[in-house]
Amino acid sequence: MGFRKDFVWGGVTASYQIEGAAYEDGKGLSVWDMFCKQPGRIADGANGEVACDHYHLYQQDVDIMRAIGYQAYRFSVAWPRILPEGTGPVCGKGLDFYDRLVDSLLAAHIEPWMTLFHWDYPYALFRRGGWMNPDSPQWFADFAGIVAQKLGDRVKRFLTLNEPQCFIGICYDATEHAPGIRFPIWDTLLMAHHALLGHGLAVQALRAAAPDAQVGIAPTCSAHYPATETPQDIEAARKAFFDVSEEAPFWSVSLWSDPIFKGAYPKKLYELFPEHMPPVGPDDMRIIGQPLDILGQNIYNGKAVRADGRGGYAFVDRGKGHPFTGAKWPVTPRALYWGPRFLAEEYRMPIVITENGLSCPDVVSCDGKVHDPNRIDFLRRYLREYRRAAEDGVDVRGYFHWCVTDNFEWAKGYTERFGMVYCDFETQERILKDSAHWYRDTILANGDNL
């Protein structure tokens, strides 16, 4: 046993992180365009104005993906590239870029998986209140409809939102990402509700324009796992996985997924913020809970959990010398077993890992190649756990590695390298790392080589 025969292997990127061409062909500004202009916001003072220049070099990148053997490519569309003001007139040249990209992918026998929103929110709409504006759900739905009407004859896999935990929590609570302004809890909870309404309305728009497409969403999480595989620790890990913390409520799994799949916000949210929860209209949960085909989940790590002996849970200290990635994220392969398992048991949905990977201190060696054995080892460990989930009956449908090429890594600028393809940001030269060749073998073997 192993992964199912129609298991999908691919890679993933995000528009602002790779496209560049920030001011070309009528594109409007995004909050990230403006955020990067603020001194001290980005680690190396960089920006995404050129990034990987994918806007001009997309064919080269598609050829690289074909060489690696991708079966699918998950990418996002830049909302302000298609609608410069966020609403209103469509920028034909912007939409044409994605039209050409989709055709190129299909010609290379790579299935396009399109994410509608991966954080580059139109600055013009931010100035109108952004996700706080009661019209914001419809703004997003209108955008989704425009994209699907143009591309839905060829794109058959859509994901609405990428990591709302981040574009609400990290942006408006922790303020580490654009627009980097802290709002009070009642405003951020309202934004979360509007983002979920936008998701539901976008699903309706996608179904109307592309009725034969499959639709999902791609949240993220800390995929906590049991310290030991005893019933007590497993139940404790499950509680931790779906809990809502007062310190970081927006990082919760259940805040975002319960309304979609269960028709209500978690009770814990009302217990923590009884006076600050947004009003829920009579049709809101019906809109948010539009039926989906897949649950995408971005999983990088988690924490070990044990039962505390009182019906609750406690996190286990990682211990001295615990392994970390280049970005100082903990290496916890078991997150890719227990995360999919807990999600499938809770929501009864097919699972696709829509992001997983790591940053490494990659360099071009004296032989002109990029050797990244640590990435290969990381992926082998994680994918073994993911395959174990499949063998234990979890309905897992695919895996997307973050990311295709090294790129603009948000607030970290160009100081982190997550790609299987090395990018020289001065010359735009691409070099396949050792992991890219290993991944090609893994795809060909459908994971049987792990």
Protein backbone atom coordinates (compact mmCIF):
# COMPACT_ATOMS: atom_id res chain seq x y z
CA MET A 1 0.00 0.00 0.00
CA GLY A 2 0.93 3.63 -0.39
CA PHE A 3 -0.51 6.68 -2.04
CA ARG A 4 -3.50 6.17 -4.33
CA LYS A 5 -2.73 5.82 -8.03
CA ASP A 6 -4.30 9.18 -8.88
CA PHE A 7 -2.40 11.00 -6.10
CA VAL A 8 -1.33 14.46 -7.32
CA TRP A 9 2.25 15.70 -6.95
CA GLY A 10 3.12 19.34 -7.51
CA GLY A 11 4.67 22.60 -6.40
CA VAL A 12 3.27 25.92 -5.31
CA THR A 13 4.02 29.64 -5.53
CA ALA A 14 2.30 32.96 -4.77
CA SER A 15 1.91 35.85 -7.17
CA TYR A 16 3.62 38.66 -5.24
CA GLN A 17 6.50 36.41 -4.29
CA ILE A 18 7.52 35.51 -7.84
CA GLU A 19 5.88 37.63 -10.54
CA GLY A 20 7.60 40.99 -10.30
CA ALA A 21 6.32 43.44 -12.96
CA ALA A 22 4.80 45.37 -10.08
CA TYR A 23 3.96 48.42 -12.17
CA GLU A 24 3.60 46.95 -15.66
CA ASP A 25 0.66 46.52 -18.01
CA GLY A 26 -1.85 48.40 -15.89
CA LYS A 27 -1.43 46.45 -12.65
CA GLY A 28 -2.78 48.23 -9.56
CA LEU A 29 -1.03 48.49 -6.22
CA SER A 30 -1.37 45.83 -3.54
CA VAL A 31 -0.90 46.26 0.19
CA TRP A 32 2.45 44.51 -0.23
CA ASP A 33 3.62 47.07 -2.77
CA MET A 34 3.03 49.76 -0.16
CA PHE A 35 4.21 47.76 2.87
CA CYS A 36 7.61 47.17 1.28
CA LYS A 37 8.12 50.93 0.94
CA GLN A 38 8.08 51.32 4.74
CA PRO A 39 11.61 51.30 6.21
CA GLY A 40 12.34 48.41 8.57
CA ARG A 41 9.44 46.22 7.51
CA ILE A 42 11.38 43.77 5.31
CA ALA A 43 14.44 41.96 6.66
CA ASP A 44 16.84 43.08 3.94
CA GLY A 45 14.97 46.18 2.82
CA ALA A 46 13.87 44.34 -0.31
CA ASN A 47 10.58 44.18 -2.17
CA GLY A 48 8.76 42.07 -4.75
CA GLU A 49 8.94 44.56 -7.60
CA VAL A 50 11.07 42.14 -9.66
CA ALA A 51 11.35 39.02 -7.48
CA CYS A 52 11.78 36.03 -9.84
CA ASP A 53 10.50 38.02 -12.84
CA HIS A 54 8.04 35.18 -13.44
CA TYR A 55 5.76 37.59 -15.31
CA HIS A 56 8.31 37.64 -18.13
CA LEU A 57 10.00 34.28 -17.54
CA TYR A 58 6.94 32.11 -16.95
CA GLN A 59 7.67 29.85 -19.93
CA GLN A 60 11.13 29.10 -18.60
CA ASP A 61 9.59 28.25 -15.23
CA VAL A 62 6.97 26.01 -16.81
CA ASP A 63 9.74 24.20 -18.68
CA ILE A 64 11.55 23.69 -15.37
CA MET A 65 8.40 22.31 -13.76
CA ARG A 66 7.98 19.91 -16.65
CA ALA A 67 11.61 18.80 -16.23
CA ILE A 68 10.98 18.09 -12.54
CA GLY A 69 7.90 16.11 -13.50
CA TYR A 70 5.18 18.12 -11.79
CA GLN A 71 1.71 16.77 -12.34
CA ALA A 72 0.14 19.97 -11.02
CA TYR A 73 1.14 23.55 -10.26
CA ARG A 74 -0.61 25.59 -7.61
CA PHE A 75 -0.25 29.33 -8.21
CA SER A 76 -2.15 32.44 -7.19
CA VAL A 77 -3.57 35.24 -9.29
CA ALA A 78 -2.80 38.82 -8.30
CA TRP A 79 -6.13 40.51 -7.65
CA PRO A 80 -4.81 44.04 -8.48
CA ARG A 81 -3.21 42.77 -11.69
CA ILE A 82 -6.67 41.83 -12.96
CA LEU A 83 -8.70 44.56 -11.22
CA PRO A 84 -6.34 47.51 -10.61
CA GLU A 85 -8.85 49.21 -8.30
CA GLY A 86 -10.04 45.95 -6.78
CA THR A 87 -13.42 46.39 -8.45
CA GLY A 88 -14.60 47.94 -11.70
CA PRO A 89 -12.78 47.76 -15.04
CA VAL A 90 -10.79 44.63 -15.82
CA CYS A 91 -7.15 44.96 -16.86
CA GLY A 92 -7.08 42.89 -20.03
CA LYS A 93 -3.29 42.55 -20.13
CA GLY A 94 -3.24 41.24 -16.58
CA LEU A 95 -5.89 38.64 -17.26
CA ASP A 96 -4.14 37.71 -20.51
CA PHE A 97 -0.97 36.85 -18.56
CA TYR A 98 -2.78 34.14 -16.64
CA ASP A 99 -4.47 33.00 -19.83
CA ARG A 100 -1.04 32.42 -21.39
CA LEU A 101 0.28 30.77 -18.23
CA VAL A 102 -2.62 28.32 -18.09
CA ASP A 103 -2.21 27.40 -21.76
CA SER A 104 1.52 26.88 -21.23
CA LEU A 105 0.90 24.61 -18.24
CA LEU A 106 -1.63 22.52 -20.11
CA ALA A 107 0.73 22.19 -23.07
CA ALA A 108 3.31 20.81 -20.62
CA HIS A 109 0.71 18.37 -19.21
CA ILE A 110 0.73 20.15 -15.85
CA GLU A 111 -2.66 20.67 -14.25
CA PRO A 112 -3.24 24.25 -13.04
CA TRP A 113 -4.48 24.62 -9.46
CA MET A 114 -5.44 28.26 -9.02
CA THR A 115 -5.51 30.09 -5.69
CA LEU A 116 -7.63 33.22 -5.90
CA PHE A 117 -6.16 35.09 -2.96
CA HIS A 118 -2.64 34.71 -1.59
CA TRP A 119 -2.31 37.98 0.32
CA ASP A 120 -1.73 40.70 -2.31
CA TYR A 121 -4.92 42.59 -1.44
CA PRO A 122 -5.70 45.58 -3.68
CA TYR A 123 -4.48 48.76 -2.01
CA ALA A 124 -7.44 50.68 -3.41
CA LEU A 125 -9.81 48.38 -1.49
CA PHE A 126 -7.70 48.55 1.64
CA ARG A 127 -8.23 52.32 1.57
CA ARG A 128 -11.96 51.62 1.52
CA GLY A 129 -11.73 49.53 4.67
CA GLY A 130 -10.52 46.25 3.23
CA TRP A 131 -11.98 43.20 4.93
CA MET A 132 -13.80 45.43 7.43
CA ASN A 133 -16.01 46.87 4.71
CA PRO A 134 -19.35 45.00 4.56
CA ASP A 135 -19.02 45.01 0.76
CA SER A 136 -15.68 43.16 0.89
CA PRO A 137 -17.18 39.65 0.57
CA GLN A 138 -18.90 40.67 -2.66
CA TRP A 139 -15.76 42.36 -3.94
CA PHE A 140 -13.93 39.06 -3.65
CA ALA A 141 -16.79 37.08 -5.18
CA ASP A 142 -16.93 39.42 -8.17
CA PHE A 143 -13.19 38.96 -8.67
CA ALA A 144 -13.58 35.18 -8.47
CA GLY A 145 -16.33 35.25 -11.07
CA ILE A 146 -14.24 37.30 -13.50
CA VAL A 147 -11.32 34.89 -13.21
CA ALA A 148 -13.49 31.79 -13.57
CA GLN A 149 -15.37 33.18 -16.58
CA LYS A 150 -12.07 33.73 -18.37
CA LEU A 151 -10.15 30.63 -17.27
CA GLY A 152 -12.70 28.15 -15.96
CA ASP A 153 -12.92 26.39 -19.31
CA ARG A 154 -9.36 25.13 -18.65
CA VAL A 155 -8.72 25.53 -14.91
CA LYS A 156 -10.62 22.81 -13.04
CA ARG A 157 -9.11 23.19 -9.55
CA PHE A 158 -9.72 26.37 -7.56
CA LEU A 159 -8.76 27.32 -4.01
CA THR A 160 -10.40 30.45 -2.65
CA LEU A 161 -8.24 31.73 0.22
CA ASN A 162 -4.70 30.90 1.27
CA GLU A 163 -4.03 30.92 5.00
CA PRO A 164 -6.61 33.31 6.41
CA GLN A 165 -4.83 32.67 9.72
CA CYS A 166 -2.02 34.78 8.27
CA PHE A 167 -3.71 37.46 6.19
CA ILE A 168 -5.91 38.36 9.15
CA GLY A 169 -3.88 37.30 12.21
CA ILE A 170 -0.31 38.07 11.16
CA CYS A 171 -1.34 41.19 9.24
CA TYR A 172 -3.81 42.89 11.58
CA ASP A 173 -2.95 41.37 14.97
CA ALA A 174 0.76 40.52 15.00
CA THR A 175 1.39 43.20 12.29
CA GLU A 176 4.37 41.38 10.77
CA HIS A 177 2.84 41.32 7.28
CA ALA A 178 1.14 43.87 5.05
CA PRO A 179 -0.50 46.20 5.83
CA GLY A 180 1.05 45.73 9.27
CA ILE A 181 -1.48 47.77 11.26
CA ARG A 182 -2.85 46.46 14.55
CA PHE A 183 -6.61 46.48 14.88
CA PRO A 184 -8.62 45.68 18.02
CA ILE A 185 -10.08 42.21 18.44
CA TRP A 186 -13.62 43.24 17.48
CA ASP A 187 -12.36 44.54 14.13
CA THR A 188 -10.18 41.54 13.37
CA LEU A 189 -13.02 39.14 14.20
CA LEU A 190 -15.25 41.11 11.85
CA MET A 191 -12.59 40.85 9.15
CA ALA A 192 -12.44 37.11 9.69
CA HIS A 193 -16.21 36.83 9.28
CA HIS A 194 -16.14 38.90 6.10
CA ALA A 195 -13.27 36.83 4.68
CA LEU A 196 -15.29 33.65 5.30
CA LEU A 197 -18.34 35.22 3.68
CA GLY A 198 -16.12 36.17 0.76
CA HIS A 199 -15.00 32.55 0.52
CA GLY A 200 -18.60 31.31 0.42
CA LEU A 201 -19.72 33.86 -2.16
CA ALA A 202 -16.63 33.10 -4.24
CA VAL A 203 -17.49 29.40 -4.21
CA GLN A 204 -20.93 30.29 -5.56
CA ALA A 205 -19.36 32.45 -8.28
CA LEU A 206 -16.92 29.69 -9.22
CA ARG A 207 -19.68 27.08 -9.40
CA ALA A 208 -21.74 29.37 -11.63
CA ALA A 209 -18.89 30.13 -14.04
CA ALA A 210 -17.14 26.73 -13.97
CA PRO A 211 -19.69 24.14 -12.81
CA ASP A 212 -17.38 21.20 -13.53
CA ALA A 213 -14.48 22.56 -11.45
CA GLN A 214 -13.44 21.31 -8.03
CA VAL A 215 -13.27 23.96 -5.33
CA GLY A 216 -11.54 24.09 -1.97
CA ILE A 217 -9.73 26.34 0.49
CA ALA A 218 -6.15 26.30 1.83
CA PRO A 219 -5.86 27.24 5.51
CA THR A 220 -2.82 26.49 7.64
CA CYS A 221 -2.25 25.26 11.18
CA SER A 222 0.14 24.10 13.82
CA ALA A 223 -0.41 20.38 13.41
CA HIS A 224 -0.03 19.16 16.97
CA TYR A 225 0.59 15.45 17.50
CA PRO A 226 0.53 13.06 20.47
CA ALA A 227 3.72 12.59 22.46
CA THR A 228 2.93 8.87 22.61
CA GLU A 229 0.34 6.95 20.65
CA THR A 230 -1.73 6.11 23.70
CA PRO A 231 -5.48 6.87 23.61
CA GLN A 232 -4.99 9.52 26.28
CA ASP A 233 -2.27 11.42 24.43
CA ILE A 234 -4.06 11.09 21.08
CA GLU A 235 -7.19 12.65 22.55
CA ALA A 236 -5.13 15.38 24.21
CA ALA A 237 -3.44 16.17 20.88
CA ARG A 238 -6.82 16.30 19.18
CA LYS A 239 -8.03 18.84 21.72
CA ALA A 240 -4.93 20.96 21.27
CA PHE A 241 -5.22 20.75 17.49
CA PHE A 242 -8.74 22.23 17.41
CA ASP A 243 -8.54 24.52 20.44
CA VAL A 244 -8.81 28.31 20.30
CA SER A 245 -6.26 30.22 22.37
CA GLU A 246 -6.83 33.69 23.74
CA GLU A 247 -3.26 34.67 22.87
CA ALA A 248 -3.46 33.65 19.20
CA PRO A 249 -7.12 33.08 18.28
CA PHE A 250 -6.62 33.61 14.56
CA TRP A 251 -4.14 30.74 14.34
CA SER A 252 -6.95 28.35 15.26
CA VAL A 253 -8.03 25.55 12.94
CA SER A 254 -11.62 25.57 14.16
CA LEU A 255 -12.19 29.32 13.83
CA TRP A 256 -11.78 29.01 10.08
CA SER A 257 -12.90 25.46 9.30
CA ASP A 258 -15.82 24.95 11.70
CA PRO A 259 -18.02 27.60 10.00
CA ILE A 260 -17.32 26.05 6.60
CA PHE A 261 -17.83 22.41 7.51
CA LYS A 262 -19.96 22.54 10.67
CA GLY A 263 -22.04 25.67 10.16
CA ALA A 264 -21.00 27.51 13.33
CA TYR A 265 -18.08 29.20 15.03
CA PRO A 266 -16.48 27.17 17.84
CA LYS A 267 -18.05 27.72 21.26
CA LYS A 268 -14.64 28.54 22.72
CA LEU A 269 -14.53 31.66 20.55
CA TYR A 270 -17.73 32.96 22.11
CA GLU A 271 -16.43 32.09 25.57
CA LEU A 272 -13.25 34.09 25.00
CA PHE A 273 -14.78 37.07 23.20
CA PRO A 274 -18.49 37.18 24.05
CA GLU A 275 -18.80 40.93 23.50
CA HIS A 276 -16.63 41.12 20.41
CA MET A 277 -17.95 38.40 18.11
CA PRO A 278 -19.44 39.87 14.92
CA PRO A 279 -23.18 39.56 14.35
CA VAL A 280 -23.99 36.53 12.21
CA GLY A 281 -26.79 37.14 9.72
CA PRO A 282 -29.52 34.54 9.11
CA ASP A 283 -27.97 33.45 5.79
CA ASP A 284 -24.30 33.88 6.70
CA MET A 285 -23.55 30.30 7.69
CA ARG A 286 -25.38 28.95 4.66
CA ILE A 287 -23.19 31.15 2.45
CA ILE A 288 -19.98 30.29 4.30
CA GLY A 289 -20.81 26.59 4.30
CA GLN A 290 -20.98 26.08 0.56
CA PRO A 291 -20.10 22.45 -0.21
CA LEU A 292 -16.43 21.93 -1.09
CA ASP A 293 -14.64 19.16 -2.94
CA ILE A 294 -11.36 19.22 -1.02
CA LEU A 295 -9.83 20.63 2.12
CA GLY A 296 -6.38 21.94 1.35
CA GLN A 297 -4.12 22.34 4.34
CA ASN A 298 -0.71 23.96 4.65
CA ILE A 299 1.34 22.11 7.27
CA TYR A 300 4.94 22.79 8.23
CA ASN A 301 5.24 21.77 11.89
CA GLY A 302 3.50 21.26 15.22
CA LYS A 303 4.11 20.49 18.87
CA ALA A 304 4.04 17.23 20.81
CA VAL A 305 1.15 17.02 23.26
CA ARG A 306 0.47 14.81 26.26
CA ALA A 307 -2.56 14.32 28.45
CA ASP A 308 -2.38 16.38 31.64
CA GLY A 309 -4.32 13.88 33.74
CA ARG A 310 -7.23 16.29 34.22
CA GLY A 311 -8.97 15.84 30.90
CA GLY A 312 -6.88 18.53 29.22
CA TYR A 313 -3.56 18.74 27.43
CA ALA A 314 -0.03 20.00 27.90
CA PHE A 315 2.63 20.78 25.34
CA VAL A 316 5.86 18.81 25.64
CA ASP A 317 9.12 20.72 25.67
CA ARG A 318 11.07 20.15 22.46
CA GLY A 319 14.28 19.53 24.37
CA LYS A 320 17.76 20.87 23.84
CA GLY A 321 19.16 20.51 20.35
CA HIS A 322 15.82 19.91 18.66
CA PRO A 323 16.29 20.19 14.87
CA PHE A 324 15.24 23.42 13.16
CA THR A 325 15.14 24.56 9.54
CA GLY A 326 17.04 27.50 8.12
CA ALA A 327 14.10 29.73 9.08
CA LYS A 328 14.28 28.34 12.65
CA TRP A 329 11.04 26.43 12.24
CA PRO A 330 11.01 23.12 14.16
CA VAL A 331 11.32 19.88 12.21
CA THR A 332 8.34 17.72 13.24
CA PRO A 333 7.56 15.08 10.59
CA ARG A 334 4.72 13.52 12.60
CA ALA A 335 2.70 16.68 11.92
CA LEU A 336 2.10 15.30 8.42
CA TYR A 337 0.51 12.16 9.80
CA TRP A 338 -1.62 13.53 12.61
CA GLY A 339 -2.61 16.76 10.88
CA PRO A 340 -4.33 15.04 7.93
CA ARG A 341 -5.74 12.35 10.21
CA PHE A 342 -7.31 14.77 12.69
CA LEU A 343 -8.69 16.97 9.89
CA ALA A 344 -10.21 14.04 8.00
CA GLU A 345 -11.79 12.64 11.16
CA GLU A 346 -13.19 16.01 12.18
CA TYR A 347 -14.47 17.35 8.86
CA ARG A 348 -14.94 14.20 6.75
CA MET A 349 -13.22 15.77 3.75
CA PRO A 350 -10.56 14.61 1.28
CA ILE A 351 -7.25 16.20 2.27
CA VAL A 352 -4.58 17.76 0.06
CA ILE A 353 -1.39 19.12 1.57
CA THR A 354 -1.29 22.42 -0.30
CA GLU A 355 2.02 23.56 1.23
CA ASN A 356 4.92 21.86 2.99
CA GLY A 357 8.64 22.49 2.80
CA LEU A 358 11.53 24.26 4.46
CA SER A 359 14.11 26.99 4.10
CA CYS A 360 17.74 25.95 3.77
CA PRO A 361 20.97 28.01 3.54
CA ASP A 362 21.45 26.95 -0.08
CA VAL A 363 24.48 28.10 -2.07
CA VAL A 364 25.90 27.39 -5.50
CA SER A 365 28.81 25.04 -4.86
CA CYS A 366 32.17 25.02 -6.61
CA ASP A 367 30.84 22.44 -9.06
CA GLY A 368 28.10 24.87 -10.12
CA LYS A 369 25.36 22.78 -8.51
CA VAL A 370 23.18 23.34 -5.46
CA HIS A 371 23.37 20.47 -2.99
CA ASP A 372 20.58 20.41 -0.40
CA PRO A 373 20.63 17.01 1.32
CA ASN A 374 18.88 18.51 4.34
CA ARG A 375 15.83 19.32 2.19
CA ILE A 376 15.74 15.80 0.79
CA ASP A 377 15.98 14.34 4.28
CA PHE A 378 13.24 16.66 5.58
CA LEU A 379 10.86 15.80 2.75
CA ARG A 380 11.54 12.08 3.01
CA ARG A 381 10.70 12.14 6.73
CA TYR A 382 7.52 14.19 6.26
CA LEU A 383 6.30 12.28 3.22
CA ARG A 384 6.81 8.95 4.98
CA GLU A 385 4.42 10.17 7.68
CA TYR A 386 1.96 11.43 5.07
CA ARG A 387 2.11 8.06 3.31
CA ARG A 388 1.47 6.36 6.66
CA ALA A 389 -1.72 8.43 6.95
CA ALA A 390 -2.78 7.17 3.52
CA GLU A 391 -2.01 3.59 4.51
CA ASP A 392 -4.10 4.03 7.67
CA GLY A 393 -7.13 5.01 5.61
CA VAL A 394 -6.95 8.81 5.57
CA ASP A 395 -8.30 10.12 2.27
CA VAL A 396 -5.30 12.11 1.06
CA ARG A 397 -5.36 13.23 -2.55
CA GLY A 398 -2.17 15.21 -3.18
CA TYR A 399 0.97 17.01 -2.06
CA PHE A 400 2.31 20.42 -3.12
CA HIS A 401 5.84 21.38 -2.16
CA TRP A 402 6.54 24.96 -1.09
CA CYS A 403 7.97 26.18 -3.26
CA VAL A 404 9.05 25.92 -6.89
CA THR A 405 11.79 28.56 -6.95
CA ASP A 406 13.46 30.59 -4.24
CA ASN A 407 11.46 33.82 -4.03
CA PHE A 408 10.54 36.91 -2.06
CA GLU A 409 9.76 35.40 1.33
CA TRP A 410 7.43 38.14 2.65
CA ALA A 411 8.88 39.98 5.67
CA LYS A 412 12.05 37.87 5.38
CA GLY A 413 12.77 39.34 1.95
CA TYR A 414 15.39 37.31 0.12
CA THR A 415 17.07 35.97 3.25
CA GLU A 416 15.30 32.58 3.14
CA ARG A 417 15.40 30.00 0.35
CA PHE A 418 12.47 27.58 0.21
CA GLY A 419 12.71 26.51 -3.43
CA MET A 420 13.69 23.28 -5.11
CA VAL A 421 15.03 25.57 -7.82
CA TYR A 422 17.76 28.04 -6.95
CA CYS A 423 17.16 31.58 -8.19
CA ASP A 424 19.94 34.11 -8.60
CA PHE A 425 17.96 37.30 -8.05
CA GLU A 426 20.60 39.44 -9.77
CA THR A 427 20.81 37.45 -13.02
CA GLN A 428 17.52 35.46 -12.83
CA GLU A 429 19.47 32.27 -13.50
CA ARG A 430 17.64 29.14 -12.33
CA ILE A 431 19.47 26.02 -11.11
CA LEU A 432 17.72 22.79 -10.17
CA LYS A 433 18.83 21.75 -6.70
CA ASP A 434 19.52 18.13 -5.84
CA SER A 435 16.09 18.01 -4.20
CA ALA A 436 14.41 18.77 -7.53
CA HIS A 437 15.97 15.65 -9.06
CA TRP A 438 15.02 13.63 -5.96
CA TYR A 439 11.45 14.95 -6.17
CA ARG A 440 11.22 13.88 -9.81
CA ASP A 441 12.16 10.34 -8.79
CA THR A 442 9.63 10.46 -5.96
CA ILE A 443 6.86 11.56 -8.32
CA LEU A 444 7.72 8.80 -10.78
CA ALA A 445 7.62 6.27 -7.94
CA ASN A 446 4.43 7.76 -6.45
CA GLY A 447 6.24 7.85 -3.13
CA ASP A 448 7.23 4.19 -3.12
CA ASN A 449 10.90 5.23 -2.96
CA LEU A 450 10.52 6.91 0.42
